[in-house]
């Protein structure tokens, strides 16, 4: 609704949090919020065998580091800017 109601918001807009986490942090946070163990990750060698080294790197191991600059510049504020409190609120 924020994007629809703000005519000043134009161009590409990243709809994501300003506090990015790694895949490992995401899995651990979800496991903790659900009171479950976080199982180990897929080793890079296994992913490379399954998908090819380049695709595995692009899909699973490359970070984007995208930020919601346009949203923040337009005054948007997240109700739950950090992952752990958000997960607690929905689980």
N, C-alpha and C. Protein backbone atom coordinates (compact mmCIF):
# COMPACT_ATOMS: atom_id res chain seq x y z
N UNK A 1 0.82 -1.19 0.00
CA UNK A 1 0.00 0.00 0.00
C UNK A 1 0.87 1.26 0.00
N UNK A 2 1.99 1.19 0.70
CA UNK A 2 2.89 2.35 0.76
C UNK A 2 3.31 2.77 -0.64
N UNK A 3 3.71 1.80 -1.47
CA UNK A 3 4.17 2.10 -2.82
C UNK A 3 3.05 2.66 -3.69
N UNK A 4 1.86 2.14 -3.51
CA UNK A 4 0.72 2.61 -4.30
C UNK A 4 0.34 4.03 -3.91
N UNK A 5 0.40 4.32 -2.61
CA UNK A 5 -0.05 5.62 -2.10
C UNK A 5 1.01 6.72 -2.20
N UNK A 6 2.23 6.40 -2.57
CA UNK A 6 3.30 7.39 -2.65
C UNK A 6 3.74 7.61 -4.09
N UNK A 7 3.24 8.69 -4.66
CA UNK A 7 3.56 9.00 -6.06
C UNK A 7 5.04 9.33 -6.25
N UNK A 8 5.71 9.76 -5.19
CA UNK A 8 7.13 10.10 -5.29
C UNK A 8 8.01 8.86 -5.45
N UNK A 9 7.49 7.71 -5.12
CA UNK A 9 8.25 6.47 -5.23
C UNK A 9 8.21 6.01 -6.68
N UNK A 10 9.35 6.04 -7.34
CA UNK A 10 9.42 5.70 -8.76
C UNK A 10 10.68 4.90 -9.04
N UNK A 11 10.66 4.20 -10.14
CA UNK A 11 11.82 3.41 -10.53
C UNK A 11 11.84 2.07 -9.81
N UNK A 12 12.98 1.38 -9.87
CA UNK A 12 13.07 0.08 -9.21
C UNK A 12 12.99 0.21 -7.69
N UNK A 13 12.20 -0.65 -7.07
CA UNK A 13 12.02 -0.63 -5.62
C UNK A 13 12.25 -2.04 -5.09
N UNK A 14 13.20 -2.17 -4.17
CA UNK A 14 13.45 -3.46 -3.52
C UNK A 14 12.54 -3.56 -2.30
N UNK A 15 11.64 -4.54 -2.32
CA UNK A 15 10.73 -4.77 -1.20
C UNK A 15 11.34 -5.83 -0.30
N UNK A 16 12.32 -5.40 0.48
CA UNK A 16 13.00 -6.30 1.40
C UNK A 16 13.49 -5.51 2.59
N UNK A 17 13.88 -6.20 3.61
CA UNK A 17 14.31 -5.53 4.84
C UNK A 17 15.66 -4.84 4.68
N UNK A 18 15.90 -3.90 5.56
CA UNK A 18 17.18 -3.19 5.57
C UNK A 18 18.21 -3.94 6.41
N UNK A 19 17.83 -5.09 6.96
CA UNK A 19 18.73 -5.91 7.78
C UNK A 19 18.87 -7.29 7.13
N UNK A 20 19.65 -7.39 6.04
CA UNK A 20 19.77 -8.68 5.36
C UNK A 20 20.46 -9.72 6.23
N UNK A 21 20.09 -10.97 6.04
CA UNK A 21 20.71 -12.08 6.76
C UNK A 21 21.18 -13.11 5.74
N UNK A 22 22.12 -13.93 6.16
CA UNK A 22 22.59 -15.02 5.30
C UNK A 22 21.58 -16.16 5.38
N UNK A 23 21.70 -17.09 4.45
CA UNK A 23 20.85 -18.27 4.46
C UNK A 23 21.00 -19.02 5.78
N UNK A 24 22.23 -19.12 6.26
CA UNK A 24 22.50 -19.82 7.53
C UNK A 24 21.79 -19.12 8.69
N UNK A 25 21.86 -17.79 8.73
CA UNK A 25 21.18 -17.04 9.79
C UNK A 25 19.67 -17.20 9.70
N UNK A 26 19.14 -17.23 8.48
CA UNK A 26 17.70 -17.42 8.28
C UNK A 26 17.25 -18.77 8.81
N UNK A 27 17.96 -19.82 8.43
CA UNK A 27 17.60 -21.17 8.86
C UNK A 27 17.70 -21.29 10.38
N UNK A 28 18.75 -20.77 10.95
CA UNK A 28 18.90 -20.84 12.42
C UNK A 28 17.82 -20.05 13.14
N UNK A 29 17.46 -18.89 12.62
CA UNK A 29 16.42 -18.08 13.25
C UNK A 29 15.06 -18.75 13.18
N UNK A 30 14.74 -19.35 12.03
CA UNK A 30 13.47 -20.06 11.90
C UNK A 30 13.44 -21.26 12.84
N UNK A 31 14.53 -22.02 12.89
CA UNK A 31 14.60 -23.19 13.77
C UNK A 31 14.42 -22.76 15.23
N UNK A 32 15.07 -21.69 15.62
CA UNK A 32 14.97 -21.22 17.00
C UNK A 32 13.54 -20.77 17.32
N UNK A 33 12.92 -20.04 16.40
CA UNK A 33 11.56 -19.56 16.61
C UNK A 33 10.56 -20.72 16.70
N UNK A 34 10.88 -21.83 16.00
CA UNK A 34 9.98 -22.99 16.01
C UNK A 34 10.39 -24.03 17.06
N UNK A 35 11.43 -23.70 17.84
CA UNK A 35 11.94 -24.62 18.87
C UNK A 35 12.30 -25.98 18.26
N UNK A 36 13.02 -25.92 17.15
CA UNK A 36 13.47 -27.10 16.43
C UNK A 36 14.96 -26.97 16.16
N UNK A 37 15.64 -28.09 15.97
CA UNK A 37 17.07 -28.00 15.63
C UNK A 37 17.26 -27.52 14.18
N UNK A 38 18.34 -26.82 13.97
CA UNK A 38 18.72 -26.41 12.61
C UNK A 38 19.69 -27.47 12.09
N UNK A 39 19.24 -28.21 11.12
CA UNK A 39 20.09 -29.26 10.56
C UNK A 39 21.20 -28.64 9.72
N UNK A 40 22.23 -29.40 9.48
CA UNK A 40 23.37 -28.92 8.71
C UNK A 40 23.01 -28.49 7.30
N UNK A 41 23.88 -27.74 6.69
CA UNK A 41 23.66 -27.25 5.34
C UNK A 41 24.23 -28.23 4.31
N UNK A 42 23.86 -28.01 3.08
CA UNK A 42 24.36 -28.82 1.98
C UNK A 42 25.78 -28.36 1.67
N UNK A 43 26.75 -29.26 1.69
CA UNK A 43 28.13 -28.86 1.37
C UNK A 43 28.24 -28.33 -0.06
N UNK A 44 29.13 -27.39 -0.25
CA UNK A 44 29.31 -26.79 -1.58
C UNK A 44 29.62 -27.84 -2.64
N UNK A 45 30.41 -28.85 -2.28
CA UNK A 45 30.78 -29.89 -3.24
C UNK A 45 29.54 -30.66 -3.71
N UNK A 46 28.62 -30.94 -2.81
CA UNK A 46 27.40 -31.67 -3.16
C UNK A 46 26.53 -30.82 -4.07
N UNK A 47 26.37 -29.54 -3.72
CA UNK A 47 25.58 -28.64 -4.56
C UNK A 47 26.21 -28.51 -5.95
N UNK A 48 27.53 -28.44 -6.01
CA UNK A 48 28.23 -28.33 -7.29
C UNK A 48 28.01 -29.58 -8.14
N UNK A 49 28.02 -30.75 -7.52
CA UNK A 49 27.76 -31.99 -8.25
C UNK A 49 26.33 -32.05 -8.77
N UNK A 50 25.41 -31.57 -7.97
CA UNK A 50 23.99 -31.63 -8.36
C UNK A 50 23.62 -30.61 -9.43
N UNK A 51 24.16 -29.40 -9.33
CA UNK A 51 23.73 -28.32 -10.21
C UNK A 51 24.82 -27.76 -11.11
N UNK A 52 26.04 -28.20 -10.92
CA UNK A 52 27.17 -27.61 -11.62
C UNK A 52 27.73 -26.50 -10.76
N UNK A 53 29.03 -26.33 -10.78
CA UNK A 53 29.70 -25.38 -9.88
C UNK A 53 29.19 -23.95 -10.05
N UNK A 54 29.05 -23.49 -11.29
CA UNK A 54 28.63 -22.10 -11.52
C UNK A 54 27.20 -21.86 -11.06
N UNK A 55 26.29 -22.75 -11.43
CA UNK A 55 24.89 -22.60 -11.02
C UNK A 55 24.74 -22.69 -9.51
N UNK A 56 25.44 -23.62 -8.89
CA UNK A 56 25.37 -23.77 -7.43
C UNK A 56 25.83 -22.49 -6.76
N UNK A 57 26.90 -21.90 -7.25
CA UNK A 57 27.42 -20.66 -6.69
C UNK A 57 26.40 -19.53 -6.86
N UNK A 58 25.80 -19.42 -8.05
CA UNK A 58 24.83 -18.36 -8.32
C UNK A 58 23.56 -18.52 -7.48
N UNK A 59 23.08 -19.74 -7.37
CA UNK A 59 21.80 -19.99 -6.71
C UNK A 59 21.93 -20.02 -5.20
N UNK A 60 22.94 -20.70 -4.69
CA UNK A 60 23.00 -20.97 -3.26
C UNK A 60 24.03 -20.17 -2.48
N UNK A 61 25.08 -19.73 -3.10
CA UNK A 61 26.18 -19.18 -2.33
C UNK A 61 26.53 -17.72 -2.61
N UNK A 62 25.91 -17.12 -3.60
CA UNK A 62 26.19 -15.72 -3.90
C UNK A 62 25.21 -14.82 -3.15
N UNK A 63 25.71 -13.78 -2.53
CA UNK A 63 24.85 -12.84 -1.82
C UNK A 63 24.45 -11.69 -2.72
N UNK A 64 23.29 -11.13 -2.46
CA UNK A 64 22.81 -10.01 -3.26
C UNK A 64 23.12 -8.67 -2.62
N UNK A 65 23.05 -8.60 -1.31
CA UNK A 65 23.28 -7.36 -0.57
C UNK A 65 22.41 -6.21 -1.08
N UNK A 66 21.22 -6.54 -1.53
CA UNK A 66 20.27 -5.51 -1.98
C UNK A 66 19.71 -4.78 -0.76
N UNK A 67 19.40 -3.52 -0.93
CA UNK A 67 18.84 -2.71 0.16
C UNK A 67 17.60 -1.99 -0.35
N UNK A 68 16.68 -1.67 0.53
CA UNK A 68 15.44 -0.97 0.13
C UNK A 68 15.62 0.55 0.13
N UNK A 69 16.66 1.04 -0.53
CA UNK A 69 16.99 2.46 -0.48
C UNK A 69 15.82 3.35 -0.89
N UNK A 70 15.15 3.02 -1.98
CA UNK A 70 14.03 3.86 -2.44
C UNK A 70 12.92 3.91 -1.40
N UNK A 71 12.61 2.78 -0.79
CA UNK A 71 11.57 2.74 0.24
C UNK A 71 11.96 3.60 1.44
N UNK A 72 13.18 3.42 1.92
CA UNK A 72 13.63 4.18 3.08
C UNK A 72 13.71 5.67 2.79
N UNK A 73 14.19 6.02 1.60
CA UNK A 73 14.26 7.43 1.21
C UNK A 73 12.88 8.07 1.14
N UNK A 74 11.86 7.26 0.83
CA UNK A 74 10.49 7.77 0.74
C UNK A 74 9.81 7.81 2.11
N UNK A 75 10.50 7.34 3.16
CA UNK A 75 9.96 7.41 4.51
C UNK A 75 9.32 6.14 5.02
N UNK A 76 9.42 5.05 4.30
CA UNK A 76 8.83 3.79 4.76
C UNK A 76 9.57 3.28 5.98
N UNK A 77 8.83 2.78 6.94
CA UNK A 77 9.40 2.17 8.14
C UNK A 77 8.79 0.79 8.32
N UNK A 78 9.64 -0.18 8.54
CA UNK A 78 9.19 -1.55 8.71
C UNK A 78 8.57 -1.77 10.08
N UNK A 79 7.47 -2.51 10.14
CA UNK A 79 6.86 -2.85 11.42
C UNK A 79 7.76 -3.79 12.20
N UNK A 80 8.46 -4.66 11.51
CA UNK A 80 9.39 -5.62 12.12
C UNK A 80 10.69 -5.58 11.33
N UNK A 81 11.58 -4.65 11.61
CA UNK A 81 12.80 -4.53 10.81
C UNK A 81 13.81 -5.65 11.00
N UNK A 82 13.74 -6.37 12.12
CA UNK A 82 14.71 -7.44 12.38
C UNK A 82 14.02 -8.80 12.30
N UNK A 83 14.77 -9.80 11.87
CA UNK A 83 14.22 -11.12 11.59
C UNK A 83 13.66 -11.84 12.82
N UNK A 84 14.42 -11.93 13.88
CA UNK A 84 14.00 -12.72 15.05
C UNK A 84 12.67 -12.23 15.65
N UNK A 85 12.50 -10.94 15.92
CA UNK A 85 11.20 -10.49 16.45
C UNK A 85 10.05 -10.73 15.48
N UNK A 86 10.32 -10.59 14.19
CA UNK A 86 9.27 -10.85 13.20
C UNK A 86 8.85 -12.32 13.24
N UNK A 87 9.82 -13.22 13.25
CA UNK A 87 9.49 -14.64 13.30
C UNK A 87 8.70 -14.99 14.55
N UNK A 88 9.08 -14.41 15.68
CA UNK A 88 8.32 -14.65 16.91
C UNK A 88 6.88 -14.17 16.78
N UNK A 89 6.67 -13.10 16.05
CA UNK A 89 5.32 -12.54 15.92
C UNK A 89 4.42 -13.38 15.01
N UNK A 90 5.00 -14.13 14.07
CA UNK A 90 4.17 -14.91 13.15
C UNK A 90 4.13 -16.39 13.44
N UNK A 91 5.04 -16.88 14.28
CA UNK A 91 5.06 -18.33 14.57
C UNK A 91 4.53 -18.65 15.94
